[in-house]
Amino acid sequence: MNTTKLKLISATAGATGVLAMGALPVAFGGTSVAEPSSPGPVPTPSATTGETSTEAAAPSEPSTSSAVPSIEGPAPLPPEEEGLPG
């Protein structure tokens, strides 16, 4: 078989595949379930804006003191790591 015949057969097979991919969905594309109706306008409540209100004045001093750690310096090693080199 020469290359011209091979190219012709390949082109025919490719074109047939492309046509089948386009024709089969059209042929079997009927929907079995009714399409839902398009949604209409959705009623929304009128827009409201929030108000910021302050019930009391802010305290003059913070209610908590500054944080202080309970231990100072490096923490001791766990027992399984005590005495290991390095």
N, C-alpha and C. Protein backbone atom coordinates (compact mmCIF):
# COMPACT_ATOMS: atom_id res chain seq x y z
N MET A 1 0.86 -1.17 0.00
CA MET A 1 0.00 0.00 0.00
C MET A 1 0.90 1.23 0.00
N ASN A 2 0.65 2.12 -0.89
CA ASN A 2 1.49 3.31 -0.94
C ASN A 2 0.99 4.39 0.02
N THR A 3 1.79 5.41 0.24
CA THR A 3 1.47 6.43 1.23
C THR A 3 0.27 7.28 0.84
N THR A 4 0.00 7.43 -0.43
CA THR A 4 -1.15 8.22 -0.86
C THR A 4 -2.45 7.54 -0.45
N LYS A 5 -2.52 6.21 -0.63
CA LYS A 5 -3.72 5.48 -0.22
C LYS A 5 -3.88 5.50 1.29
N LEU A 6 -2.76 5.36 2.02
CA LEU A 6 -2.81 5.38 3.48
C LEU A 6 -3.31 6.73 3.98
N LYS A 7 -2.82 7.81 3.39
CA LYS A 7 -3.28 9.15 3.78
C LYS A 7 -4.76 9.34 3.48
N LEU A 8 -5.22 8.82 2.36
CA LEU A 8 -6.63 8.95 1.99
C LEU A 8 -7.52 8.18 2.97
N ILE A 9 -7.09 6.98 3.33
CA ILE A 9 -7.88 6.17 4.28
C ILE A 9 -7.87 6.84 5.66
N SER A 10 -6.73 7.37 6.07
CA SER A 10 -6.64 8.05 7.37
C SER A 10 -7.52 9.30 7.39
N ALA A 11 -7.50 10.06 6.32
CA ALA A 11 -8.31 11.27 6.26
C ALA A 11 -9.80 10.93 6.27
N THR A 12 -10.17 9.87 5.57
CA THR A 12 -11.57 9.44 5.55
C THR A 12 -12.02 9.00 6.94
N ALA A 13 -11.18 8.23 7.63
CA ALA A 13 -11.53 7.79 8.98
C ALA A 13 -11.65 8.98 9.93
N GLY A 14 -10.72 9.94 9.83
CA GLY A 14 -10.79 11.12 10.68
C GLY A 14 -12.01 11.96 10.44
N ALA A 15 -12.35 12.17 9.17
CA ALA A 15 -13.53 12.96 8.84
C ALA A 15 -14.80 12.26 9.31
N THR A 16 -14.83 10.94 9.17
CA THR A 16 -16.00 10.19 9.64
C THR A 16 -16.15 10.32 11.15
N GLY A 17 -15.04 10.29 11.87
CA GLY A 17 -15.09 10.46 13.33
C GLY A 17 -15.59 11.83 13.73
N VAL A 18 -15.12 12.84 13.04
CA VAL A 18 -15.56 14.21 13.35
C VAL A 18 -17.05 14.36 13.08
N LEU A 19 -17.51 13.84 11.97
CA LEU A 19 -18.94 13.92 11.66
C LEU A 19 -19.78 13.14 12.66
N ALA A 20 -19.29 11.98 13.09
CA ALA A 20 -20.03 11.18 14.08
C ALA A 20 -20.12 11.92 15.41
N MET A 21 -19.02 12.57 15.81
CA MET A 21 -19.06 13.32 17.08
C MET A 21 -20.05 14.47 17.01
N GLY A 22 -20.26 15.04 15.84
CA GLY A 22 -21.21 16.14 15.71
C GLY A 22 -22.63 15.67 15.51
N ALA A 23 -22.82 14.52 14.83
CA ALA A 23 -24.16 14.07 14.47
C ALA A 23 -24.83 13.28 15.59
N LEU A 24 -24.07 12.48 16.31
CA LEU A 24 -24.69 11.64 17.34
C LEU A 24 -25.32 12.45 18.48
N PRO A 25 -24.67 13.47 19.00
CA PRO A 25 -25.34 14.26 20.04
C PRO A 25 -26.60 14.95 19.55
N VAL A 26 -26.60 15.36 18.29
CA VAL A 26 -27.80 16.01 17.74
C VAL A 26 -28.92 14.99 17.62
N ALA A 27 -28.57 13.77 17.18
CA ALA A 27 -29.59 12.74 16.99
C ALA A 27 -30.17 12.27 18.32
N PHE A 28 -29.32 12.12 19.33
CA PHE A 28 -29.79 11.61 20.62
C PHE A 28 -29.85 12.69 21.68
N GLY A 29 -29.91 13.93 21.28
CA GLY A 29 -29.86 15.04 22.24
C GLY A 29 -31.19 15.44 22.83
N GLY A 30 -32.26 14.71 22.60
CA GLY A 30 -33.55 15.07 23.18
C GLY A 30 -33.51 14.95 24.68
N THR A 31 -34.11 15.90 25.38
CA THR A 31 -34.10 15.85 26.83
C THR A 31 -35.29 15.04 27.31
N SER A 32 -35.05 14.20 28.30
CA SER A 32 -36.13 13.39 28.83
C SER A 32 -36.82 14.06 30.00
N VAL A 33 -36.19 15.06 30.59
CA VAL A 33 -36.75 15.77 31.73
C VAL A 33 -37.08 17.18 31.27
N ALA A 34 -38.21 17.67 31.71
CA ALA A 34 -38.63 19.01 31.32
C ALA A 34 -37.63 20.03 31.85
N GLU A 35 -37.31 20.99 31.05
CA GLU A 35 -36.39 22.04 31.46
C GLU A 35 -37.08 22.93 32.50
N PRO A 36 -36.36 23.32 33.54
CA PRO A 36 -36.98 24.21 34.53
C PRO A 36 -37.21 25.59 33.94
N SER A 37 -38.24 26.22 34.41
CA SER A 37 -38.53 27.56 33.90
C SER A 37 -37.48 28.53 34.42
N SER A 38 -37.27 29.58 33.67
CA SER A 38 -36.27 30.55 34.09
C SER A 38 -36.80 31.31 35.31
N PRO A 39 -35.92 31.62 36.24
CA PRO A 39 -36.38 32.31 37.45
C PRO A 39 -36.79 33.73 37.14
N GLY A 40 -37.81 34.17 37.82
CA GLY A 40 -38.28 35.53 37.66
C GLY A 40 -37.56 36.45 38.63
N PRO A 41 -38.01 37.66 38.72
CA PRO A 41 -37.38 38.57 39.67
C PRO A 41 -37.59 38.10 41.11
N VAL A 42 -36.57 38.20 41.91
CA VAL A 42 -36.64 37.76 43.29
C VAL A 42 -36.95 38.97 44.16
N PRO A 43 -38.04 38.90 44.92
CA PRO A 43 -38.36 40.04 45.79
C PRO A 43 -37.38 40.10 46.96
N THR A 44 -36.87 41.26 47.22
CA THR A 44 -35.95 41.45 48.34
C THR A 44 -36.50 42.52 49.26
N PRO A 45 -36.24 42.39 50.55
CA PRO A 45 -36.70 43.45 51.47
C PRO A 45 -35.91 44.73 51.20
N SER A 46 -36.46 45.81 51.63
CA SER A 46 -35.78 47.08 51.39
C SER A 46 -34.45 47.10 52.14
N ALA A 47 -33.49 47.77 51.58
CA ALA A 47 -32.16 47.82 52.17
C ALA A 47 -32.19 48.62 53.46
N THR A 48 -31.47 48.14 54.44
CA THR A 48 -31.38 48.85 55.71
C THR A 48 -29.91 49.13 56.00
N THR A 49 -29.66 50.17 56.73
CA THR A 49 -28.30 50.49 57.14
C THR A 49 -28.21 50.37 58.64
N GLY A 50 -27.12 49.83 59.11
CA GLY A 50 -26.94 49.65 60.55
C GLY A 50 -26.44 50.92 61.19
N GLU A 51 -26.72 51.05 62.45
CA GLU A 51 -26.25 52.20 63.22
C GLU A 51 -25.30 51.71 64.29
N THR A 52 -24.27 52.47 64.55
CA THR A 52 -23.35 52.14 65.63
C THR A 52 -23.72 52.99 66.83
N SER A 53 -23.92 52.32 67.94
CA SER A 53 -24.24 53.08 69.14
C SER A 53 -23.31 52.64 70.26
N THR A 54 -22.91 53.58 71.10
CA THR A 54 -22.03 53.29 72.23
C THR A 54 -22.85 53.42 73.49
N GLU A 55 -22.88 52.33 74.26
CA GLU A 55 -23.68 52.34 75.49
C GLU A 55 -22.96 53.07 76.62
N ALA A 56 -21.63 52.87 76.75
CA ALA A 56 -20.89 53.49 77.84
C ALA A 56 -19.56 53.99 77.31
N ALA A 57 -18.94 54.84 78.08
CA ALA A 57 -17.62 55.35 77.70
C ALA A 57 -16.57 54.29 77.95
N ALA A 58 -15.48 54.37 77.22
CA ALA A 58 -14.40 53.41 77.38
C ALA A 58 -13.71 53.63 78.72
N PRO A 59 -13.21 52.56 79.36
CA PRO A 59 -12.52 52.75 80.65
C PRO A 59 -11.21 53.50 80.45
N SER A 60 -10.79 54.24 81.47
CA SER A 60 -9.56 55.02 81.35
C SER A 60 -8.33 54.13 81.45
N GLU A 61 -8.41 53.01 82.14
CA GLU A 61 -7.29 52.07 82.26
C GLU A 61 -7.73 50.70 81.74
N PRO A 62 -6.80 49.95 81.16
CA PRO A 62 -7.18 48.60 80.71
C PRO A 62 -7.53 47.72 81.90
N SER A 63 -8.46 46.80 81.70
CA SER A 63 -8.91 45.95 82.80
C SER A 63 -7.91 44.84 83.11
N THR A 64 -6.99 44.54 82.24
CA THR A 64 -5.98 43.52 82.51
C THR A 64 -4.61 44.16 82.57
N SER A 65 -3.76 43.63 83.41
CA SER A 65 -2.39 44.14 83.50
C SER A 65 -1.57 43.53 82.37
N SER A 66 -0.35 43.98 82.22
CA SER A 66 0.48 43.44 81.16
C SER A 66 0.84 41.98 81.47
N ALA A 67 1.03 41.21 80.45
CA ALA A 67 1.31 39.79 80.61
C ALA A 67 2.74 39.60 81.08
N VAL A 68 2.91 38.72 82.06
CA VAL A 68 4.23 38.40 82.59
C VAL A 68 4.35 36.88 82.55
N PRO A 69 5.45 36.34 81.97
CA PRO A 69 5.58 34.88 81.92
C PRO A 69 5.75 34.30 83.32
N SER A 70 5.28 33.06 83.51
CA SER A 70 5.34 32.43 84.83
C SER A 70 6.73 31.91 85.14
N ILE A 71 7.55 31.64 84.11
CA ILE A 71 8.92 31.19 84.35
C ILE A 71 9.87 32.14 83.64
N GLU A 72 11.09 32.21 84.12
CA GLU A 72 12.10 33.06 83.51
C GLU A 72 13.24 32.18 83.03
N GLY A 73 13.87 32.57 81.94
CA GLY A 73 15.01 31.83 81.42
C GLY A 73 14.57 30.62 80.61
N PRO A 74 15.55 29.81 80.20
CA PRO A 74 15.19 28.63 79.40
C PRO A 74 14.48 27.58 80.24
N ALA A 75 13.55 26.90 79.63
CA ALA A 75 12.81 25.84 80.32
C ALA A 75 13.70 24.61 80.46
N PRO A 76 13.51 23.82 81.52
CA PRO A 76 14.32 22.61 81.68
C PRO A 76 13.99 21.58 80.60
N LEU A 77 14.96 20.74 80.28
CA LEU A 77 14.76 19.71 79.28
C LEU A 77 13.87 18.60 79.82
N PRO A 78 13.15 17.91 78.94
CA PRO A 78 12.39 16.74 79.38
C PRO A 78 13.35 15.67 79.89
N PRO A 79 12.90 14.78 80.79
CA PRO A 79 13.79 13.77 81.39
C PRO A 79 14.48 12.89 80.35
N GLU A 80 13.81 12.56 79.24
CA GLU A 80 14.43 11.67 78.26
C GLU A 80 15.54 12.35 77.47
N GLU A 81 15.64 13.69 77.52
CA GLU A 81 16.69 14.40 76.79
C GLU A 81 17.78 14.95 77.70
N GLU A 82 17.66 14.79 79.01
CA GLU A 82 18.67 15.29 79.94
C GLU A 82 19.93 14.45 79.81
N GLY A 83 21.07 15.11 79.79
CA GLY A 83 22.34 14.42 79.77
C GLY A 83 22.77 13.90 78.41
N LEU A 84 22.00 14.14 77.34
CA LEU A 84 22.40 13.68 76.02
C LEU A 84 23.45 14.63 75.45
N PRO A 85 24.43 14.10 74.69
CA PRO A 85 25.42 14.99 74.10
C PRO A 85 24.80 15.84 73.00
N GLY A 86 25.28 17.04 72.84
CA GLY A 86 24.89 17.82 71.71
C GLY A 86 23.97 18.90 71.96
